[in-house]
Amino acid sequence: MHESNQAMEEKIMVDGRIHLPKPHPAAQEIQRGMKVMSSDGREVGFVAAVIIQKETASVTHILLGHIPVTPDYRRIPVTLVENVDEDTVYLNIIHQAVAKLAVHQPD
């Protein structure tokens, strides 16, 4: 799929629900402003938005924002989310790997 076709099939939202692997029984809410932590315990940024596939209405990625705010937003596939609590998203990758994730390219 070409990047431009992919962008047409995606929608950016302020929040969404993801289903984590067992033992998590219910869908987990991800909202703009939540902290994002790497598996080595570092805060790597915050949830700027979620990307939803239009056809299935499923959250596919989290857009990672930074403070101070930069124009680069990293795309975190939801498969890299280990856990979610009230105000934090926990990833299953270390902070160096987060820096290597794809940068979101808006149209």
PDB file of N, CA and C in Angstrom:
ATOM      1  N   MET A   1       0.850  -1.177   0.000  1.00  0.00           N
ATOM      2  CA  MET A   1       0.000   0.000   0.000  1.00  0.00           C
ATOM      3  C   MET A   1       0.893   1.236   0.000  1.00  0.00           C
ATOM      4  N   HIS A   2       0.596   2.186  -0.848  1.00  0.00           N
ATOM      5  CA  HIS A   2       1.353   3.424  -0.909  1.00  0.00           C
ATOM      6  C   HIS A   2       1.006   4.297   0.282  1.00  0.00           C
ATOM      7  N   GLU A   3       1.976   5.112   0.710  1.00  0.00           N
ATOM      8  CA  GLU A   3       1.771   5.987   1.873  1.00  0.00           C
ATOM      9  C   GLU A   3       0.555   6.887   1.695  1.00  0.00           C
ATOM     10  N   SER A   4       0.349   7.438   0.495  1.00  0.00           N
ATOM     11  CA  SER A   4      -0.795   8.329   0.286  1.00  0.00           C
ATOM     12  C   SER A   4      -2.113   7.570   0.403  1.00  0.00           C
ATOM     13  N   ASN A   5      -2.170   6.326  -0.089  1.00  0.00           N
ATOM     14  CA  ASN A   5      -3.372   5.509   0.070  1.00  0.00           C
ATOM     15  C   ASN A   5      -3.609   5.172   1.528  1.00  0.00           C
ATOM     16  N   GLN A   6      -2.526   4.877   2.244  1.00  0.00           N
ATOM     17  CA  GLN A   6      -2.639   4.560   3.662  1.00  0.00           C
ATOM     18  C   GLN A   6      -3.206   5.747   4.421  1.00  0.00           C
ATOM     19  N   ALA A   7      -2.724   6.938   4.150  1.00  0.00           N
ATOM     20  CA  ALA A   7      -3.193   8.132   4.849  1.00  0.00           C
ATOM     21  C   ALA A   7      -4.676   8.368   4.607  1.00  0.00           C
ATOM     22  N   MET A   8      -5.161   8.049   3.402  1.00  0.00           N
ATOM     23  CA  MET A   8      -6.581   8.241   3.101  1.00  0.00           C
ATOM     24  C   MET A   8      -7.449   7.266   3.888  1.00  0.00           C
ATOM     25  N   GLU A   9      -6.872   6.134   4.290  1.00  0.00           N
ATOM     26  CA  GLU A   9      -7.617   5.116   5.014  1.00  0.00           C
ATOM     27  C   GLU A   9      -7.488   5.266   6.520  1.00  0.00           C
ATOM     28  N   GLU A  10      -6.797   6.301   6.975  1.00  0.00           N
ATOM     29  CA  GLU A  10      -6.582   6.532   8.398  1.00  0.00           C
ATOM     30  C   GLU A  10      -7.287   7.796   8.855  1.00  0.00           C
ATOM     31  N   LYS A  11      -7.581   7.802  10.141  1.00  0.00           N
ATOM     32  CA  LYS A  11      -8.201   8.964  10.754  1.00  0.00           C
ATOM     33  C   LYS A  11      -7.465   9.224  12.061  1.00  0.00           C
ATOM     34  N   ILE A  12      -7.157  10.488  12.353  1.00  0.00           N
ATOM     35  CA  ILE A  12      -6.488  10.851  13.601  1.00  0.00           C
ATOM     36  C   ILE A  12      -7.543  11.312  14.594  1.00  0.00           C
ATOM     37  N   MET A  13      -7.499  10.719  15.788  1.00  0.00           N
ATOM     38  CA  MET A  13      -8.481  11.008  16.829  1.00  0.00           C
ATOM     39  C   MET A  13      -7.759  11.344  18.141  1.00  0.00           C
ATOM     40  N   VAL A  14      -8.465  11.964  19.073  1.00  0.00           N
ATOM     41  CA  VAL A  14      -7.866  12.310  20.369  1.00  0.00           C
ATOM     42  C   VAL A  14      -7.854  11.129  21.327  1.00  0.00           C
ATOM     43  N   ASP A  15      -8.685  10.121  21.085  1.00  0.00           N
ATOM     44  CA  ASP A  15      -8.677   8.942  21.948  1.00  0.00           C
ATOM     45  C   ASP A  15      -9.196   7.731  21.188  1.00  0.00           C
ATOM     46  N   GLY A  16      -8.986   6.570  21.786  1.00  0.00           N
ATOM     47  CA  GLY A  16      -9.449   5.323  21.199  1.00  0.00           C
ATOM     48  C   GLY A  16      -9.206   4.180  22.160  1.00  0.00           C
ATOM     49  N   ARG A  17      -9.727   3.010  21.817  1.00  0.00           N
ATOM     50  CA  ARG A  17      -9.591   1.832  22.666  1.00  0.00           C
ATOM     51  C   ARG A  17      -8.779   0.770  21.926  1.00  0.00           C
ATOM     52  N   ILE A  18      -7.895   0.101  22.698  1.00  0.00           N
ATOM     53  CA  ILE A  18      -7.118  -1.002  22.137  1.00  0.00           C
ATOM     54  C   ILE A  18      -7.355  -2.250  22.974  1.00  0.00           C
ATOM     55  N   HIS A  19      -7.170  -3.394  22.352  1.00  0.00           N
ATOM     56  CA  HIS A  19      -7.282  -4.676  23.049  1.00  0.00           C
ATOM     57  C   HIS A  19      -5.875  -5.211  23.255  1.00  0.00           C
ATOM     58  N   LEU A  20      -5.494  -5.359  24.511  1.00  0.00           N
ATOM     59  CA  LEU A  20      -4.187  -5.904  24.848  1.00  0.00           C
ATOM     60  C   LEU A  20      -4.287  -7.422  24.948  1.00  0.00           C
ATOM     61  N   PRO A  21      -3.142  -8.101  24.810  1.00  0.00           N
ATOM     62  CA  PRO A  21      -3.165  -9.562  24.971  1.00  0.00           C
ATOM     63  C   PRO A  21      -3.587  -9.945  26.389  1.00  0.00           C
ATOM     64  N   LYS A  22      -3.984 -11.189  26.565  1.00  0.00           N
ATOM     65  CA  LYS A  22      -4.343 -11.684  27.891  1.00  0.00           C
ATOM     66  C   LYS A  22      -3.177 -11.430  28.824  1.00  0.00           C
ATOM     67  N   PRO A  23      -3.370 -11.146  30.088  1.00  0.00           N
ATOM     68  CA  PRO A  23      -4.559 -11.342  30.901  1.00  0.00           C
ATOM     69  C   PRO A  23      -5.470 -10.120  30.972  1.00  0.00           C
ATOM     70  N   HIS A  24      -5.320  -9.147  30.093  1.00  0.00           N
ATOM     71  CA  HIS A  24      -6.145  -7.937  30.135  1.00  0.00           C
ATOM     72  C   HIS A  24      -7.536  -8.262  29.587  1.00  0.00           C
ATOM     73  N   PRO A  25      -8.557  -8.183  30.441  1.00  0.00           N
ATOM     74  CA  PRO A  25      -9.881  -8.650  30.042  1.00  0.00           C
ATOM     75  C   PRO A  25     -10.663  -7.708  29.128  1.00  0.00           C
ATOM     76  N   ALA A  26     -10.408  -6.424  29.214  1.00  0.00           N
ATOM     77  CA  ALA A  26     -11.242  -5.464  28.479  1.00  0.00           C
ATOM     78  C   ALA A  26     -10.372  -4.536  27.640  1.00  0.00           C
ATOM     79  N   ALA A  27     -11.009  -3.855  26.712  1.00  0.00           N
ATOM     80  CA  ALA A  27     -10.302  -2.860  25.901  1.00  0.00           C
ATOM     81  C   ALA A  27      -9.796  -1.745  26.809  1.00  0.00           C
ATOM     82  N   GLN A  28      -8.643  -1.209  26.479  1.00  0.00           N
ATOM     83  CA  GLN A  28      -8.017  -0.157  27.270  1.00  0.00           C
ATOM     84  C   GLN A  28      -8.138   1.173  26.533  1.00  0.00           C
ATOM     85  N   GLU A  29      -8.522   2.209  27.250  1.00  0.00           N
ATOM     86  CA  GLU A  29      -8.696   3.549  26.681  1.00  0.00           C
ATOM     87  C   GLU A  29      -7.346   4.258  26.614  1.00  0.00           C
ATOM     88  N   ILE A  30      -7.032   4.818  25.457  1.00  0.00           N
ATOM     89  CA  ILE A  30      -5.835   5.647  25.286  1.00  0.00           C
ATOM     90  C   ILE A  30      -6.315   7.030  24.897  1.00  0.00           C
ATOM     91  N   GLN A  31      -5.822   8.047  25.636  1.00  0.00           N
ATOM     92  CA  GLN A  31      -6.285   9.419  25.427  1.00  0.00           C
ATOM     93  C   GLN A  31      -5.113  10.365  25.237  1.00  0.00           C
ATOM     94  N   ARG A  32      -5.366  11.438  24.488  1.00  0.00           N
ATOM     95  CA  ARG A  32      -4.374  12.489  24.303  1.00  0.00           C
ATOM     96  C   ARG A  32      -3.900  12.969  25.680  1.00  0.00           C
ATOM     97  N   GLY A  33      -2.590  13.169  25.801  1.00  0.00           N
ATOM     98  CA  GLY A  33      -2.012  13.684  27.036  1.00  0.00           C
ATOM     99  C   GLY A  33      -1.461  12.632  27.977  1.00  0.00           C
ATOM    100  N   MET A  34      -1.780  11.350  27.755  1.00  0.00           N
ATOM    101  CA  MET A  34      -1.250  10.297  28.623  1.00  0.00           C
ATOM    102  C   MET A  34       0.262  10.206  28.450  1.00  0.00           C
ATOM    103  N   LYS A  35       0.982   9.917  29.552  1.00  0.00           N
ATOM    104  CA  LYS A  35       2.424   9.688  29.485  1.00  0.00           C
ATOM    105  C   LYS A  35       2.691   8.382  28.753  1.00  0.00           C
ATOM    106  N   VAL A  36       3.843   8.312  28.085  1.00  0.00           N
ATOM    107  CA  VAL A  36       4.278   7.080  27.429  1.00  0.00           C
ATOM    108  C   VAL A  36       5.633   6.708  28.014  1.00  0.00           C
ATOM    109  N   MET A  37       5.720   5.475  28.555  1.00  0.00           N
ATOM    110  CA  MET A  37       6.934   4.983  29.208  1.00  0.00           C
ATOM    111  C   MET A  37       7.515   3.817  28.416  1.00  0.00           C
ATOM    112  N   SER A  38       8.856   3.795  28.305  1.00  0.00           N
ATOM    113  CA  SER A  38       9.532   2.677  27.649  1.00  0.00           C
ATOM    114  C   SER A  38       9.698   1.535  28.649  1.00  0.00           C
ATOM    115  N   SER A  39      10.104   0.369  28.155  1.00  0.00           N
ATOM    116  CA  SER A  39      10.257  -0.794  29.028  1.00  0.00           C
ATOM    117  C   SER A  39      11.418  -0.646  29.999  1.00  0.00           C
ATOM    118  N   ASP A  40      12.337   0.286  29.728  1.00  0.00           N
ATOM    119  CA  ASP A  40      13.441   0.529  30.660  1.00  0.00           C
ATOM    120  C   ASP A  40      13.129   1.668  31.629  1.00  0.00           C
ATOM    121  N   GLY A  41      11.847   2.025  31.747  1.00  0.00           N
ATOM    122  CA  GLY A  41      11.410   2.962  32.778  1.00  0.00           C
ATOM    123  C   GLY A  41      11.567   4.434  32.464  1.00  0.00           C
ATOM    124  N   ARG A  42      11.827   4.784  31.225  1.00  0.00           N
ATOM    125  CA  ARG A  42      11.979   6.200  30.861  1.00  0.00           C
ATOM    126  C   ARG A  42      10.702   6.749  30.241  1.00  0.00           C
ATOM    127  N   GLU A  43      10.381   7.983  30.611  1.00  0.00           N
ATOM    128  CA  GLU A  43       9.259   8.655  29.965  1.00  0.00           C
ATOM    129  C   GLU A  43       9.745   9.141  28.606  1.00  0.00           C
ATOM    130  N   VAL A  44       9.110   8.663  27.534  1.00  0.00           N
ATOM    131  CA  VAL A  44       9.575   8.977  26.180  1.00  0.00           C
ATOM    132  C   VAL A  44       8.713  10.020  25.487  1.00  0.00           C
ATOM    133  N   GLY A  45       7.627  10.443  26.130  1.00  0.00           N
ATOM    134  CA  GLY A  45       6.766  11.461  25.541  1.00  0.00           C
ATOM    135  C   GLY A  45       5.344  11.319  26.041  1.00  0.00           C
ATOM    136  N   PHE A  46       4.421  11.783  25.216  1.00  0.00           N
ATOM    137  CA  PHE A  46       3.005  11.735  25.576  1.00  0.00           C
ATOM    138  C   PHE A  46       2.179  11.365  24.344  1.00  0.00           C
ATOM    139  N   VAL A  47       0.972  10.893  24.588  1.00  0.00           N
ATOM    140  CA  VAL A  47       0.057  10.567  23.495  1.00  0.00           C
ATOM    141  C   VAL A  47      -0.443  11.878  22.898  1.00  0.00           C
ATOM    142  N   ALA A  48      -0.081  12.131  21.642  1.00  0.00           N
ATOM    143  CA  ALA A  48      -0.571  13.320  20.940  1.00  0.00           C
ATOM    144  C   ALA A  48      -1.911  13.017  20.271  1.00  0.00           C
ATOM    145  N   ALA A  49      -2.084  11.761  19.839  1.00  0.00           N
ATOM    146  CA  ALA A  49      -3.316  11.326  19.170  1.00  0.00           C
ATOM    147  C   ALA A  49      -3.226   9.826  18.948  1.00  0.00           C
ATOM    148  N   VAL A  50      -4.307   9.249  18.462  1.00  0.00           N
ATOM    149  CA  VAL A  50      -4.293   7.859  18.020  1.00  0.00           C
ATOM    150  C   VAL A  50      -4.685   7.838  16.546  1.00  0.00           C
ATOM    151  N   ILE A  51      -4.182   6.835  15.839  1.00  0.00           N
ATOM    152  CA  ILE A  51      -4.517   6.661  14.429  1.00  0.00           C
ATOM    153  C   ILE A  51      -5.471   5.483  14.327  1.00  0.00           C
ATOM    154  N   ILE A  52      -6.593   5.721  13.682  1.00  0.00           N
ATOM    155  CA  ILE A  52      -7.625   4.703  13.534  1.00  0.00           C
ATOM    156  C   ILE A  52      -7.760   4.346  12.062  1.00  0.00           C
ATOM    157  N   GLN A  53      -7.807   3.052  11.781  1.00  0.00           N
ATOM    158  CA  GLN A  53      -8.076   2.595  10.419  1.00  0.00           C
ATOM    159  C   GLN A  53      -9.564   2.800  10.158  1.00  0.00           C
ATOM    160  N   LYS A  54      -9.885   3.572   9.140  1.00  0.00           N
ATOM    161  CA  LYS A  54     -11.287   3.923   8.871  1.00  0.00           C
ATOM    162  C   LYS A  54     -12.173   2.702   8.634  1.00  0.00           C
ATOM    163  N   GLU A  55     -11.673   1.750   7.873  1.00  0.00           N
ATOM    164  CA  GLU A  55     -12.492   0.599   7.488  1.00  0.00           C
ATOM    165  C   GLU A  55     -12.944  -0.238   8.682  1.00  0.00           C
ATOM    166  N   THR A  56     -12.049  -0.434   9.661  1.00  0.00           N
ATOM    167  CA  THR A  56     -12.366  -1.298  10.804  1.00  0.00           C
ATOM    168  C   THR A  56     -12.645  -0.521  12.081  1.00  0.00           C
ATOM    169  N   ALA A  57     -12.367   0.772  12.086  1.00  0.00           N
ATOM    170  CA  ALA A  57     -12.490   1.624  13.279  1.00  0.00           C
ATOM    171  C   ALA A  57     -11.566   1.159  14.398  1.00  0.00           C
ATOM    172  N   SER A  58     -10.485   0.470  14.044  1.00  0.00           N
ATOM    173  CA  SER A  58      -9.522  -0.030  15.025  1.00  0.00           C
ATOM    174  C   SER A  58      -8.349   0.926  15.161  1.00  0.00           C
ATOM    175  N   VAL A  59      -7.890   1.117  16.396  1.00  0.00           N
ATOM    176  CA  VAL A  59      -6.681   1.905  16.631  1.00  0.00           C
ATOM    177  C   VAL A  59      -5.496   1.073  16.160  1.00  0.00           C
ATOM    178  N   THR A  60      -4.671   1.645  15.296  1.00  0.00           N
ATOM    179  CA  THR A  60      -3.498   0.940  14.784  1.00  0.00           C
ATOM    180  C   THR A  60      -2.193   1.489  15.344  1.00  0.00           C
ATOM    181  N   HIS A  61      -2.169   2.792  15.666  1.00  0.00           N
ATOM    182  CA  HIS A  61      -0.948   3.443  16.137  1.00  0.00           C
ATOM    183  C   HIS A  61      -1.279   4.527  17.158  1.00  0.00           C
ATOM    184  N   ILE A  62      -0.268   4.843  17.946  1.00  0.00           N
ATOM    185  CA  ILE A  62      -0.295   6.015  18.821  1.00  0.00           C
ATOM    186  C   ILE A  62       0.671   7.015  18.211  1.00  0.00           C
ATOM    187  N   LEU A  63       0.289   8.281  18.161  1.00  0.00           N
ATOM    188  CA  LEU A  63       1.226   9.327  17.749  1.00  0.00           C
ATOM    189  C   LEU A  63       1.890   9.858  19.006  1.00  0.00           C
ATOM    190  N   LEU A  64       3.203   9.745  19.058  1.00  0.00           N
ATOM    191  CA  LEU A  64       3.985  10.146  20.222  1.00  0.00           C
ATOM    192  C   LEU A  64       4.437  11.587  20.079  1.00  0.00           C
ATOM    193  N   GLY A  65       4.047  12.428  21.020  1.00  0.00           N
ATOM    194  CA  GLY A  65       4.490  13.813  21.069  1.00  0.00           C
ATOM    195  C   GLY A  65       5.594  13.976  22.095  1.00  0.00           C
ATOM    196  N   HIS A  66       6.283  15.102  22.040  1.00  0.00           N
ATOM    197  CA  HIS A  66       7.409  15.375  22.939  1.00  0.00           C
ATOM    198  C   HIS A  66       7.260  16.747  23.572  1.00  0.00           C
ATOM    199  N   ILE A  67       7.862  16.899  24.759  1.00  0.00           N
ATOM    200  CA  ILE A  67       7.955  18.214  25.401  1.00  0.00           C
ATOM    201  C   ILE A  67       9.440  18.502  25.538  1.00  0.00           C
ATOM    202  N   PRO A  68       9.943  19.630  25.041  1.00  0.00           N
ATOM    203  CA  PRO A  68       9.161  20.645  24.344  1.00  0.00           C
ATOM    204  C   PRO A  68       8.621  20.093  23.025  1.00  0.00           C
ATOM    205  N   VAL A  69       7.528  20.672  22.577  1.00  0.00           N
ATOM    206  CA  VAL A  69       6.850  20.202  21.369  1.00  0.00           C
ATOM    207  C   VAL A  69       7.766  20.344  20.160  1.00  0.00           C
ATOM    208  N   THR A  70       7.818  19.290  19.359  1.00  0.00           N
ATOM    209  CA  THR A  70       8.592  19.289  18.114  1.00  0.00           C
ATOM    210  C   THR A  70       7.635  18.949  16.969  1.00  0.00           C
ATOM    211  N   PRO A  71       8.048  19.187  15.730  1.00  0.00           N
ATOM    212  CA  PRO A  71       7.173  18.850  14.604  1.00  0.00           C
ATOM    213  C   PRO A  71       7.160  17.355  14.275  1.00  0.00           C
ATOM    214  N   ASP A  72       8.022  16.574  14.921  1.00  0.00           N
ATOM    215  CA  ASP A  72       8.105  15.140  14.643  1.00  0.00           C
ATOM    216  C   ASP A  72       7.249  14.347  15.618  1.00  0.00           C
ATOM    217  N   TYR A  73       6.361  13.545  15.075  1.00  0.00           N
ATOM    218  CA  TYR A  73       5.527  12.647  15.867  1.00  0.00           C
ATOM    219  C   TYR A  73       5.847  11.224  15.440  1.00  0.00           C
ATOM    220  N   ARG A  74       6.271  10.392  16.373  1.00  0.00           N
ATOM    221  CA  ARG A  74       6.584   8.994  16.072  1.00  0.00           C
ATOM    222  C   ARG A  74       5.310   8.166  16.061  1.00  0.00           C
ATOM    223  N   ARG A  75       5.257   7.204  15.142  1.00  0.00           N
ATOM    224  CA  ARG A  75       4.120   6.280  15.039  1.00  0.00           C
ATOM    225  C   ARG A  75       4.451   5.021  15.839  1.00  0.00           C
ATOM    226  N   ILE A  76       3.718   4.796  16.919  1.00  0.00           N
ATOM    227  CA  ILE A  76       3.927   3.609  17.748  1.00  0.00           C
ATOM    228  C   ILE A  76       2.829   2.598  17.421  1.00  0.00           C
ATOM    229  N   PRO A  77       3.181   1.464  16.816  1.00  0.00           N
ATOM    230  CA  PRO A  77       2.158   0.443  16.576  1.00  0.00           C
ATOM    231  C   PRO A  77       1.579  -0.043  17.905  1.00  0.00           C
ATOM    232  N   VAL A  78       0.285  -0.291  17.954  1.00  0.00           N
ATOM    233  CA  VAL A  78      -0.322  -0.728  19.218  1.00  0.00           C
ATOM    234  C   VAL A  78       0.209  -2.086  19.661  1.00  0.00           C
ATOM    235  N   THR A  79       0.831  -2.836  18.772  1.00  0.00           N
ATOM    236  CA  THR A  79       1.436  -4.113  19.160  1.00  0.00           C
ATOM    237  C   THR A  79       2.609  -3.913  20.111  1.00  0.00           C
ATOM    238  N   LEU A  80       3.122  -2.683  20.218  1.00  0.00           N
ATOM    239  CA  LEU A  80       4.223  -2.388  21.137  1.00  0.00           C
ATOM    240  C   LEU A  80       3.739  -1.928  22.506  1.00  0.00           C
ATOM    241  N   VAL A  81       2.428  -1.885  22.714  1.00  0.00           N
ATOM    242  CA  VAL A  81       1.875  -1.480  24.009  1.00  0.00           C
ATOM    243  C   VAL A  81       1.781  -2.707  24.907  1.00  0.00           C
ATOM    244  N   GLU A  82       2.445  -2.623  26.050  1.00  0.00           N
ATOM    245  CA  GLU A  82       2.447  -3.713  27.030  1.00  0.00           C
ATOM    246  C   GLU A  82       1.281  -3.598  28.003  1.00  0.00           C
ATOM    247  N   ASN A  83       1.009  -2.363  28.437  1.00  0.00           N
ATOM    248  CA  ASN A  83      -0.029  -2.145  29.441  1.00  0.00           C
ATOM    249  C   ASN A  83      -0.484  -0.689  29.375  1.00  0.00           C
ATOM    250  N   VAL A  84      -1.655  -0.429  29.951  1.00  0.00           N
ATOM    251  CA  VAL A  84      -2.207   0.920  30.036  1.00  0.00           C
ATOM    252  C   VAL A  84      -2.822   1.055  31.415  1.00  0.00           C
ATOM    253  N   ASP A  85      -2.518   2.163  32.112  1.00  0.00           N
ATOM    254  CA  ASP A  85      -3.237   2.430  33.351  1.00  0.00           C
ATOM    255  C   ASP A  85      -3.943   3.770  33.215  1.00  0.00           C
ATOM    256  N   GLU A  86      -4.352   4.330  34.311  1.00  0.00           N
ATOM    257  CA  GLU A  86      -5.176   5.541  34.317  1.00  0.00           C
ATOM    258  C   GLU A  86      -4.597   6.697  33.502  1.00  0.00           C
ATOM    259  N   ASP A  87      -3.271   6.900  33.576  1.00  0.00           N
ATOM    260  CA  ASP A  87      -2.679   8.052  32.892  1.00  0.00           C
ATOM    261  C   ASP A  87      -1.397   7.744  32.140  1.00  0.00           C
ATOM    262  N   THR A  88      -1.073   6.450  31.970  1.00  0.00           N
ATOM    263  CA  THR A  88       0.202   6.080  31.362  1.00  0.00           C
ATOM    264  C   THR A  88       0.039   4.898  30.410  1.00  0.00           C
ATOM    265  N   VAL A  89       0.765   4.984  29.289  1.00  0.00           N
ATOM    266  CA  VAL A  89       0.878   3.878  28.337  1.00  0.00           C
ATOM    267  C   VAL A  89       2.285   3.311  28.497  1.00  0.00           C
ATOM    268  N   TYR A  90       2.390   2.005  28.712  1.00  0.00           N
ATOM    269  CA  TYR A  90       3.676   1.336  28.900  1.00  0.00           C
ATOM    270  C   TYR A  90       4.004   0.528  27.653  1.00  0.00           C
ATOM    271  N   LEU A  91       5.200   0.769  27.104  1.00  0.00           N
ATOM    272  CA  LEU A  91       5.634   0.074  25.893  1.00  0.00           C
ATOM    273  C   LEU A  91       6.489  -1.137  26.237  1.00  0.00           C
ATOM    274  N   ASN A  92       6.625  -2.057  25.287  1.00  0.00           N
ATOM    275  CA  ASN A  92       7.476  -3.228  25.491  1.00  0.00           C
ATOM    276  C   ASN A  92       8.803  -3.089  24.746  1.00  0.00           C
ATOM    277  N   ILE A  93       9.228  -1.844  24.490  1.00  0.00           N
ATOM    278  CA  ILE A  93      10.525  -1.575  23.860  1.00  0.00           C
ATOM    279  C   ILE A  93      11.271  -0.527  24.675  1.00  0.00           C
ATOM    280  N   ILE A  94      12.611  -0.546  24.567  1.00  0.00           N
ATOM    281  CA  ILE A  94      13.431   0.424  25.302  1.00  0.00           C
ATOM    282  C   ILE A  94      13.413   1.786  24.603  1.00  0.00           C
ATOM    283  N   HIS A  95      13.854   2.809  25.330  1.00  0.00           N
ATOM    284  CA  HIS A  95      13.736   4.173  24.805  1.00  0.00           C
ATOM    285  C   HIS A  95      14.532   4.391  23.518  1.00  0.00           C
ATOM    286  N   GLN A  96      15.677   3.713  23.357  1.00  0.00           N
ATOM    287  CA  GLN A  96      16.448   3.880  22.119  1.00  0.00           C
ATOM    288  C   GLN A  96      15.658   3.381  20.909  1.00  0.00           C
ATOM    289  N   ALA A  97      14.864   2.332  21.094  1.00  0.00           N
ATOM    290  CA  ALA A  97      14.060   1.791  19.993  1.00  0.00           C
ATOM    291  C   ALA A  97      12.926   2.742  19.618  1.00  0.00           C
ATOM    292  N   VAL A  98      12.418   3.484  20.590  1.00  0.00           N
ATOM    293  CA  VAL A  98      11.347   4.449  20.311  1.00  0.00           C
ATOM    294  C   VAL A  98      11.844   5.497  19.324  1.00  0.00           C
ATOM    295  N   ALA A  99      13.080   5.943  19.500  1.00  0.00           N
ATOM    296  CA  ALA A  99      13.651   6.972  18.624  1.00  0.00           C
ATOM    297  C   ALA A  99      13.803   6.487  17.183  1.00  0.00           C
ATOM    298  N   LYS A 100      13.763   5.179  16.968  1.00  0.00           N
ATOM    299  CA  LYS A 100      13.919   4.619  15.622  1.00  0.00           C
ATOM    300  C   LYS A 100      12.588   4.326  14.932  1.00  0.00           C
ATOM    301  N   LEU A 101      11.478   4.558  15.637  1.00  0.00           N
ATOM    302  CA  LEU A 101      10.168   4.320  15.027  1.00  0.00           C
ATOM    303  C   LEU A 101       9.903   5.328  13.913  1.00  0.00           C
ATOM    304  N   ALA A 102       9.027   4.967  13.001  1.00  0.00           N
ATOM    305  CA  ALA A 102       8.704   5.829  11.858  1.00  0.00           C
ATOM    306  C   ALA A 102       8.112   7.158  12.319  1.00  0.00           C
ATOM    307  N   VAL A 103       8.471   8.206  11.600  1.00  0.00           N
ATOM    308  CA  VAL A 103       7.913   9.536  11.850  1.00  0.00           C
ATOM    309  C   VAL A 103       6.622   9.656  11.053  1.00  0.00           C
ATOM    310  N   HIS A 104       5.588  10.188  11.680  1.00  0.00           N
ATOM    311  CA  HIS A 104       4.301  10.390  11.006  1.00  0.00           C
ATOM    312  C   HIS A 104       4.459  11.441   9.911  1.00  0.00           C
ATOM    313  N   GLN A 105       3.961  11.127   8.731  1.00  0.00           N
ATOM    314  CA  GLN A 105       4.029  12.033   7.583  1.00  0.00           C
ATOM    315  C   GLN A 105       2.612  12.440   7.192  1.00  0.00           C
ATOM    316  N   PRO A 106       2.097  13.546   7.733  1.00  0.00           N
ATOM    317  CA  PRO A 106       0.740  13.959   7.362  1.00  0.00           C
ATOM    318  C   PRO A 106       0.696  14.423   5.911  1.00  0.00           C
ATOM    319  N   ASP A 107      -0.478  14.324   5.317  1.00  0.00           N
ATOM    320  CA  ASP A 107      -0.649  14.788   3.930  1.00  0.00           C
ATOM    321  C   ASP A 107      -0.642  16.286   3.854  1.00  0.00           C
TER     322      ASP A 107
END
